[in-house]
Amino acid sequence: MNTIAAEALDEVATRLEKAKDINKEATAIVRDIMQKHGRVIFNGNGYSEEWVSEARRRGLPNIKSWIESLESMNTPEAHALFEKYHVLSKRELESRFEIYVETYAKHINIEAKTAIQMARNLYIPAVIAYGRELAESISILKAVGSSAEVPSALLSRITGYLGAAAQKLEKLEAETAAAAKIEQTEKRAEAYRDRVFPAQAALREEIDALETLLPTSLWPVPSYADILFGL
């Protein structure tokens, strides 16, 4: 960003230095910049779908992931810009691109493996244990002739989320293992972005739902409430 700003200011300064009438040239510069770049100005919510549609209408790029954004630093235009101001050489930019892409892949891999371990060793066992408690309570209530409708409904919901979580856990494990086998760095990073990360997010949906159903005392990690209000 600093180098881009430097180039823009350099262009403005060069025009002003050559101008006979600085005020007139300054007005012309502002007009030219607005005509050329005014379409990037948006005063709404830049994180909303409204902006996605508006950017598309204006012909602006919509960069959805860090991997995509990194590609902009490994282009002929970027190489020329950084070399022009003696900031980084073409090879230095290329090396940084490779390192950042590799770092992204490693980070997502660590997150995915952590999610897998936590789901398999913490969350699922806790849910199974609570399910067993509910099943025992249902049997006792039925034995004494009382209604077991509430715990039965709760057990049914928990069992449903648990089954879905188990399936999504298997998918996350498979996608993580498959991505790790890809040798080409960029392709591996893209696999982590397009397949591993979505699988991880899908698993989290089920785990988050289960957290709202289990007693706080049985949840194996601090809850969102603990994190937000217990510090």
C-alpha atoms as a PDB file:
ATOM      1  CA  MET A   1       0.000   0.000   0.000  1.00  0.00           C
ATOM      2  CA  ASN A   2       2.848   2.381   0.805  1.00  0.00           C
ATOM      3  CA  THR A   3       4.481   1.756  -2.556  1.00  0.00           C
ATOM      4  CA  ILE A   4       1.198   2.206  -4.418  1.00  0.00           C
ATOM      5  CA  ALA A   5       0.593   5.482  -2.551  1.00  0.00           C
ATOM      6  CA  ALA A   6       4.145   6.586  -3.327  1.00  0.00           C
ATOM      7  CA  GLU A   7       3.595   6.036  -7.035  1.00  0.00           C
ATOM      8  CA  ALA A   8       0.335   7.990  -6.978  1.00  0.00           C
ATOM      9  CA  LEU A   9       1.910  10.884  -5.090  1.00  0.00           C
ATOM     10  CA  ASP A  10       4.896  10.776  -7.433  1.00  0.00           C
ATOM     11  CA  GLU A  11       2.596  11.152 -10.426  1.00  0.00           C
ATOM     12  CA  VAL A  12       0.748  14.065  -8.794  1.00  0.00           C
ATOM     13  CA  ALA A  13       3.973  15.800  -7.758  1.00  0.00           C
ATOM     14  CA  THR A  14       5.457  15.409 -11.226  1.00  0.00           C
ATOM     15  CA  ARG A  15       2.452  17.050 -12.829  1.00  0.00           C
ATOM     16  CA  LEU A  16       2.448  19.912 -10.324  1.00  0.00           C
ATOM     17  CA  GLU A  17       6.179  20.529 -10.738  1.00  0.00           C
ATOM     18  CA  LYS A  18       5.742  20.879 -14.495  1.00  0.00           C
ATOM     19  CA  ALA A  19       2.627  23.054 -14.289  1.00  0.00           C
ATOM     20  CA  LYS A  20       2.691  26.777 -15.054  1.00  0.00           C
ATOM     21  CA  ASP A  21      -0.573  27.321 -13.169  1.00  0.00           C
ATOM     22  CA  ILE A  22      -0.489  25.098 -10.068  1.00  0.00           C
ATOM     23  CA  ASN A  23      -4.090  25.761  -9.001  1.00  0.00           C
ATOM     24  CA  LYS A  24      -5.438  24.979 -12.442  1.00  0.00           C
ATOM     25  CA  GLU A  25      -3.317  21.830 -12.667  1.00  0.00           C
ATOM     26  CA  ALA A  26      -4.406  20.720  -9.177  1.00  0.00           C
ATOM     27  CA  THR A  27      -8.039  20.986 -10.251  1.00  0.00           C
ATOM     28  CA  ALA A  28      -7.285  19.000 -13.371  1.00  0.00           C
ATOM     29  CA  ILE A  29      -5.492  16.319 -11.343  1.00  0.00           C
ATOM     30  CA  VAL A  30      -8.448  15.894  -8.985  1.00  0.00           C
ATOM     31  CA  ARG A  31     -10.829  15.696 -11.941  1.00  0.00           C
ATOM     32  CA  ASP A  32      -8.677  13.131 -13.751  1.00  0.00           C
ATOM     33  CA  ILE A  33      -8.280  10.965 -10.653  1.00  0.00           C
ATOM     34  CA  MET A  34     -12.009  10.973  -9.932  1.00  0.00           C
ATOM     35  CA  GLN A  35     -12.860  10.130 -13.522  1.00  0.00           C
ATOM     36  CA  LYS A  36     -10.378   7.263 -13.564  1.00  0.00           C
ATOM     37  CA  HIS A  37     -10.726   5.892 -10.025  1.00  0.00           C
ATOM     38  CA  GLY A  38     -13.947   7.332  -8.565  1.00  0.00           C
ATOM     39  CA  ARG A  39     -15.715   3.995  -9.033  1.00  0.00           C
ATOM     40  CA  VAL A  40     -13.844   2.562  -6.038  1.00  0.00           C
ATOM     41  CA  ILE A  41     -15.620   4.938  -3.639  1.00  0.00           C
ATOM     42  CA  PHE A  42     -18.468   3.191  -1.810  1.00  0.00           C
ATOM     43  CA  ASN A  43     -20.049   4.614   1.327  1.00  0.00           C
ATOM     44  CA  GLY A  44     -22.147   1.572   2.192  1.00  0.00           C
ATOM     45  CA  ASN A  45     -21.234  -1.653   3.991  1.00  0.00           C
ATOM     46  CA  GLY A  46     -18.169  -3.024   2.257  1.00  0.00           C
ATOM     47  CA  TYR A  47     -18.720  -6.464   3.849  1.00  0.00           C
ATOM     48  CA  SER A  48     -22.285  -6.864   2.570  1.00  0.00           C
ATOM     49  CA  GLU A  49     -23.682  -8.676  -0.457  1.00  0.00           C
ATOM     50  CA  GLU A  50     -24.767  -5.230  -1.639  1.00  0.00           C
ATOM     51  CA  TRP A  51     -21.139  -4.329  -2.211  1.00  0.00           C
ATOM     52  CA  VAL A  52     -20.419  -7.613  -3.995  1.00  0.00           C
ATOM     53  CA  SER A  53     -23.156  -6.828  -6.499  1.00  0.00           C
ATOM     54  CA  GLU A  54     -22.151  -3.185  -6.760  1.00  0.00           C
ATOM     55  CA  ALA A  55     -18.477  -4.045  -7.311  1.00  0.00           C
ATOM     56  CA  ARG A  56     -19.466  -6.424 -10.079  1.00  0.00           C
ATOM     57  CA  ARG A  57     -21.583  -3.711 -11.685  1.00  0.00           C
ATOM     58  CA  ARG A  58     -18.679  -1.260 -11.523  1.00  0.00           C
ATOM     59  CA  GLY A  59     -16.255  -3.762 -13.023  1.00  0.00           C
ATOM     60  CA  LEU A  60     -14.182  -4.016  -9.853  1.00  0.00           C
ATOM     61  CA  PRO A  61     -12.539  -7.248  -8.659  1.00  0.00           C
ATOM     62  CA  ASN A  62     -14.063  -9.145  -5.765  1.00  0.00           C
ATOM     63  CA  ILE A  63     -11.236 -10.853  -3.888  1.00  0.00           C
ATOM     64  CA  LYS A  64     -12.769 -13.495  -1.629  1.00  0.00           C
ATOM     65  CA  SER A  65      -9.694 -15.103  -0.091  1.00  0.00           C
ATOM     66  CA  TRP A  66      -6.147 -14.310   0.942  1.00  0.00           C
ATOM     67  CA  ILE A  67      -4.764 -16.653  -1.706  1.00  0.00           C
ATOM     68  CA  GLU A  68      -6.491 -14.654  -4.425  1.00  0.00           C
ATOM     69  CA  SER A  69      -5.200 -11.388  -2.995  1.00  0.00           C
ATOM     70  CA  LEU A  70      -1.635 -12.692  -2.989  1.00  0.00           C
ATOM     71  CA  GLU A  71      -1.755 -13.187  -6.738  1.00  0.00           C
ATOM     72  CA  SER A  72      -1.706  -9.409  -7.202  1.00  0.00           C
ATOM     73  CA  MET A  73       1.855  -9.210  -5.852  1.00  0.00           C
ATOM     74  CA  ASN A  74       3.166 -11.671  -8.422  1.00  0.00           C
ATOM     75  CA  THR A  75       2.190  -9.881 -11.621  1.00  0.00           C
ATOM     76  CA  PRO A  76       4.267  -7.925 -14.174  1.00  0.00           C
ATOM     77  CA  GLU A  77       2.592  -4.722 -12.970  1.00  0.00           C
ATOM     78  CA  ALA A  78       3.575  -5.402  -9.353  1.00  0.00           C
ATOM     79  CA  HIS A  79       7.115  -6.360 -10.345  1.00  0.00           C
ATOM     80  CA  ALA A  80       7.510  -3.113 -12.289  1.00  0.00           C
ATOM     81  CA  LEU A  81       6.070  -1.002  -9.470  1.00  0.00           C
ATOM     82  CA  PHE A  82       8.310  -2.374  -6.723  1.00  0.00           C
ATOM     83  CA  GLU A  83      11.419  -2.334  -8.879  1.00  0.00           C
ATOM     84  CA  LYS A  84      10.688   1.250  -9.991  1.00  0.00           C
ATOM     85  CA  TYR A  85      10.957   2.461  -6.392  1.00  0.00           C
ATOM     86  CA  HIS A  86      13.716  -0.006  -5.415  1.00  0.00           C
ATOM     87  CA  VAL A  87      11.560  -1.658  -2.756  1.00  0.00           C
ATOM     88  CA  LEU A  88      11.690  -5.295  -3.864  1.00  0.00           C
ATOM     89  CA  SER A  89      13.034  -7.078  -6.901  1.00  0.00           C
ATOM     90  CA  LYS A  90      11.010  -9.438  -9.076  1.00  0.00           C
ATOM     91  CA  ARG A  91      12.665 -12.450  -7.463  1.00  0.00           C
ATOM     92  CA  GLU A  92      12.070 -11.088  -3.968  1.00  0.00           C
ATOM     93  CA  LEU A  93       8.379 -10.657  -4.742  1.00  0.00           C
ATOM     94  CA  GLU A  94       8.192 -14.149  -6.186  1.00  0.00           C
ATOM     95  CA  SER A  95       9.864 -15.627  -3.101  1.00  0.00           C
ATOM     96  CA  ARG A  96       7.493 -13.784  -0.772  1.00  0.00           C
ATOM     97  CA  PHE A  97       4.528 -15.001  -2.793  1.00  0.00           C
ATOM     98  CA  GLU A  98       5.705 -18.605  -2.480  1.00  0.00           C
ATOM     99  CA  ILE A  99       6.316 -18.240   1.266  1.00  0.00           C
ATOM    100  CA  TYR A 100       2.923 -16.625   1.921  1.00  0.00           C
ATOM    101  CA  VAL A 101       1.084 -19.304  -0.060  1.00  0.00           C
ATOM    102  CA  GLU A 102       2.934 -22.057   1.799  1.00  0.00           C
ATOM    103  CA  THR A 103       2.196 -20.339   5.121  1.00  0.00           C
ATOM    104  CA  TYR A 104      -1.513 -20.183   4.287  1.00  0.00           C
ATOM    105  CA  ALA A 105      -1.620 -23.893   3.515  1.00  0.00           C
ATOM    106  CA  LYS A 106       0.210 -24.737   6.739  1.00  0.00           C
ATOM    107  CA  HIS A 107      -2.103 -22.575   8.851  1.00  0.00           C
ATOM    108  CA  ILE A 108      -5.272 -24.136   7.434  1.00  0.00           C
ATOM    109  CA  ASN A 109      -3.736 -27.588   7.866  1.00  0.00           C
ATOM    110  CA  ILE A 110      -3.005 -26.865  11.532  1.00  0.00           C
ATOM    111  CA  GLU A 111      -6.519 -25.508  12.075  1.00  0.00           C
ATOM    112  CA  ALA A 112      -8.094 -28.517  10.393  1.00  0.00           C
ATOM    113  CA  LYS A 113      -6.054 -31.039  12.364  1.00  0.00           C
ATOM    114  CA  THR A 114      -6.841 -29.184  15.581  1.00  0.00           C
ATOM    115  CA  ALA A 115     -10.553 -29.250  14.734  1.00  0.00           C
ATOM    116  CA  ILE A 116     -10.347 -32.967  13.995  1.00  0.00           C
ATOM    117  CA  GLN A 117      -8.573 -33.729  17.269  1.00  0.00           C
ATOM    118  CA  MET A 118     -10.943 -31.603  19.349  1.00  0.00           C
ATOM    119  CA  ALA A 119     -14.036 -33.080  17.717  1.00  0.00           C
ATOM    120  CA  ARG A 120     -12.849 -36.663  18.074  1.00  0.00           C
ATOM    121  CA  ASN A 121     -11.282 -36.438  21.543  1.00  0.00           C
ATOM    122  CA  LEU A 122     -13.376 -33.783  23.284  1.00  0.00           C
ATOM    123  CA  TYR A 123     -16.727 -32.913  21.742  1.00  0.00           C
ATOM    124  CA  ILE A 124     -18.013 -36.243  20.486  1.00  0.00           C
ATOM    125  CA  PRO A 125     -17.114 -38.137  23.697  1.00  0.00           C
ATOM    126  CA  ALA A 126     -18.849 -35.434  25.777  1.00  0.00           C
ATOM    127  CA  VAL A 127     -21.976 -35.649  23.624  1.00  0.00           C
ATOM    128  CA  ILE A 128     -22.016 -39.447  23.835  1.00  0.00           C
ATOM    129  CA  ALA A 129     -21.681 -39.264  27.614  1.00  0.00           C
ATOM    130  CA  TYR A 130     -24.603 -36.856  27.876  1.00  0.00           C
ATOM    131  CA  GLY A 131     -26.629 -38.995  25.504  1.00  0.00           C
ATOM    132  CA  ARG A 132     -26.058 -41.935  27.804  1.00  0.00           C
ATOM    133  CA  GLU A 133     -27.292 -39.881  30.771  1.00  0.00           C
ATOM    134  CA  LEU A 134     -30.402 -38.907  28.859  1.00  0.00           C
ATOM    135  CA  ALA A 135     -31.075 -42.511  27.819  1.00  0.00           C
ATOM    136  CA  GLU A 136     -30.793 -43.634  31.450  1.00  0.00           C
ATOM    137  CA  SER A 137     -33.136 -40.838  32.549  1.00  0.00           C
ATOM    138  CA  ILE A 138     -35.656 -41.815  29.894  1.00  0.00           C
ATOM    139  CA  SER A 139     -35.583 -45.450  31.046  1.00  0.00           C
ATOM    140  CA  ILE A 140     -36.090 -44.432  34.685  1.00  0.00           C
ATOM    141  CA  LEU A 141     -38.962 -42.092  33.869  1.00  0.00           C
ATOM    142  CA  LYS A 142     -40.705 -44.733  31.794  1.00  0.00           C
ATOM    143  CA  ALA A 143     -40.159 -47.319  34.512  1.00  0.00           C
ATOM    144  CA  VAL A 144     -42.014 -45.201  37.053  1.00  0.00           C
ATOM    145  CA  GLY A 145     -44.760 -44.311  34.590  1.00  0.00           C
ATOM    146  CA  SER A 146     -43.738 -40.690  34.053  1.00  0.00           C
ATOM    147  CA  SER A 147     -43.559 -38.834  30.753  1.00  0.00           C
ATOM    148  CA  ALA A 148     -40.203 -38.988  29.014  1.00  0.00           C
ATOM    149  CA  GLU A 149     -41.247 -36.744  26.153  1.00  0.00           C
ATOM    150  CA  VAL A 150     -38.851 -33.875  26.911  1.00  0.00           C
ATOM    151  CA  PRO A 151     -35.643 -35.884  27.392  1.00  0.00           C
ATOM    152  CA  SER A 152     -36.589 -38.118  24.454  1.00  0.00           C
ATOM    153  CA  ALA A 153     -36.971 -35.104  22.161  1.00  0.00           C
ATOM    154  CA  LEU A 154     -33.664 -33.688  23.413  1.00  0.00           C
ATOM    155  CA  LEU A 155     -31.906 -36.999  22.882  1.00  0.00           C
ATOM    156  CA  SER A 156     -33.298 -37.190  19.376  1.00  0.00           C
ATOM    157  CA  ARG A 157     -31.966 -33.716  18.521  1.00  0.00           C
ATOM    158  CA  ILE A 158     -28.560 -34.459  20.019  1.00  0.00           C
ATOM    159  CA  THR A 159     -28.341 -37.776  18.197  1.00  0.00           C
ATOM    160  CA  GLY A 160     -29.139 -36.059  14.913  1.00  0.00           C
ATOM    161  CA  TYR A 161     -26.441 -33.428  15.351  1.00  0.00           C
ATOM    162  CA  LEU A 162     -23.993 -36.077  16.550  1.00  0.00           C
ATOM    163  CA  GLY A 163     -24.533 -38.221  13.471  1.00  0.00           C
ATOM    164  CA  ALA A 164     -24.091 -35.231  11.181  1.00  0.00           C
ATOM    165  CA  ALA A 165     -20.949 -34.171  13.071  1.00  0.00           C
ATOM    166  CA  ALA A 166     -19.458 -37.649  12.707  1.00  0.00           C
ATOM    167  CA  GLN A 167     -20.043 -37.605   8.937  1.00  0.00           C
ATOM    168  CA  LYS A 168     -18.580 -34.127   8.545  1.00  0.00           C
ATOM    169  CA  LEU A 169     -15.613 -35.102  10.693  1.00  0.00           C
ATOM    170  CA  GLU A 170     -14.834 -37.969   8.330  1.00  0.00           C
ATOM    171  CA  LYS A 171     -15.098 -35.616   5.354  1.00  0.00           C
ATOM    172  CA  LEU A 172     -12.759 -33.102   6.980  1.00  0.00           C
ATOM    173  CA  GLU A 173     -10.227 -35.845   7.706  1.00  0.00           C
ATOM    174  CA  ALA A 174     -10.383 -37.071   4.110  1.00  0.00           C
ATOM    175  CA  GLU A 175     -10.097 -33.595   2.590  1.00  0.00           C
ATOM    176  CA  THR A 176      -7.181 -32.676   4.872  1.00  0.00           C
ATOM    177  CA  ALA A 177      -5.293 -35.839   4.012  1.00  0.00           C
ATOM    178  CA  ALA A 178      -5.924 -35.351   0.280  1.00  0.00           C
ATOM    179  CA  ALA A 179      -4.764 -31.713   0.340  1.00  0.00           C
ATOM    180  CA  ALA A 180      -1.568 -32.603   2.187  1.00  0.00           C
ATOM    181  CA  LYS A 181      -0.586 -34.971  -0.636  1.00  0.00           C
ATOM    182  CA  ILE A 182      -0.637 -32.268  -3.315  1.00  0.00           C
ATOM    183  CA  GLU A 183       2.959 -31.371  -4.167  1.00  0.00           C
ATOM    184  CA  GLN A 184       2.477 -28.106  -6.084  1.00  0.00           C
ATOM    185  CA  THR A 185       2.327 -25.309  -3.483  1.00  0.00           C
ATOM    186  CA  GLU A 186      -0.358 -23.145  -5.080  1.00  0.00           C
ATOM    187  CA  LYS A 187      -2.599 -26.115  -5.887  1.00  0.00           C
ATOM    188  CA  ARG A 188      -2.204 -27.369  -2.314  1.00  0.00           C
ATOM    189  CA  ALA A 189      -3.150 -23.980  -0.903  1.00  0.00           C
ATOM    190  CA  GLU A 190      -6.175 -23.824  -3.217  1.00  0.00           C
ATOM    191  CA  ALA A 191      -7.282 -27.261  -1.995  1.00  0.00           C
ATOM    192  CA  TYR A 192      -7.083 -26.086   1.598  1.00  0.00           C
ATOM    193  CA  ARG A 193      -9.098 -22.997   0.674  1.00  0.00           C
ATOM    194  CA  ASP A 194     -11.734 -24.680  -1.514  1.00  0.00           C
ATOM    195  CA  ARG A 195     -12.156 -28.047   0.208  1.00  0.00           C
ATOM    196  CA  VAL A 196     -10.580 -28.208   3.659  1.00  0.00           C
ATOM    197  CA  PHE A 197     -11.734 -24.867   5.042  1.00  0.00           C
ATOM    198  CA  PRO A 198     -15.390 -25.367   3.935  1.00  0.00           C
ATOM    199  CA  ALA A 199     -15.354 -28.877   5.440  1.00  0.00           C
ATOM    200  CA  GLN A 200     -14.014 -27.435   8.682  1.00  0.00           C
ATOM    201  CA  ALA A 201     -16.722 -24.756   8.737  1.00  0.00           C
ATOM    202  CA  ALA A 202     -19.397 -27.381   8.084  1.00  0.00           C
ATOM    203  CA  LEU A 203     -18.201 -29.474  11.037  1.00  0.00           C
ATOM    204  CA  ARG A 204     -18.225 -26.427  13.259  1.00  0.00           C
ATOM    205  CA  GLU A 205     -21.920 -25.833  12.504  1.00  0.00           C
ATOM    206  CA  GLU A 206     -22.826 -29.155  14.118  1.00  0.00           C
ATOM    207  CA  ILE A 207     -20.470 -28.674  17.069  1.00  0.00           C
ATOM    208  CA  ASP A 208     -21.843 -25.175  17.714  1.00  0.00           C
ATOM    209  CA  ALA A 209     -25.382 -26.567  17.671  1.00  0.00           C
ATOM    210  CA  LEU A 210     -24.421 -29.282  20.158  1.00  0.00           C
ATOM    211  CA  GLU A 211     -22.869 -26.709  22.474  1.00  0.00           C
ATOM    212  CA  THR A 212     -26.256 -25.039  22.853  1.00  0.00           C
ATOM    213  CA  LEU A 213     -27.839 -28.332  23.921  1.00  0.00           C
ATOM    214  CA  LEU A 214     -25.335 -29.750  26.393  1.00  0.00           C
ATOM    215  CA  PRO A 215     -25.140 -28.640  30.039  1.00  0.00           C
ATOM    216  CA  THR A 216     -22.311 -26.188  30.632  1.00  0.00           C
ATOM    217  CA  SER A 217     -20.769 -28.541  33.176  1.00  0.00           C
ATOM    218  CA  LEU A 218     -20.376 -31.252  30.538  1.00  0.00           C
ATOM    219  CA  TRP A 219     -18.973 -29.113  27.728  1.00  0.00           C
ATOM    220  CA  PRO A 220     -15.231 -29.912  27.581  1.00  0.00           C
ATOM    221  CA  VAL A 221     -13.963 -26.419  26.693  1.00  0.00           C
ATOM    222  CA  PRO A 222     -14.940 -22.878  27.715  1.00  0.00           C
ATOM    223  CA  SER A 223     -18.231 -21.915  26.091  1.00  0.00           C
ATOM    224  CA  TYR A 224     -18.774 -18.756  24.076  1.00  0.00           C
ATOM    225  CA  ALA A 225     -20.481 -17.267  27.136  1.00  0.00           C
ATOM    226  CA  ASP A 226     -17.431 -18.087  29.272  1.00  0.00           C
ATOM    227  CA  ILE A 227     -15.122 -16.425  26.761  1.00  0.00           C
ATOM    228  CA  LEU A 228     -17.288 -13.325  26.330  1.00  0.00           C
ATOM    229  CA  PHE A 229     -18.353 -12.711  29.918  1.00  0.00           C
ATOM    230  CA  GLY A 230     -16.119 -14.791  32.162  1.00  0.00           C
ATOM    231  CA  LEU A 231     -12.820 -12.985  31.717  1.00  0.00           C
END
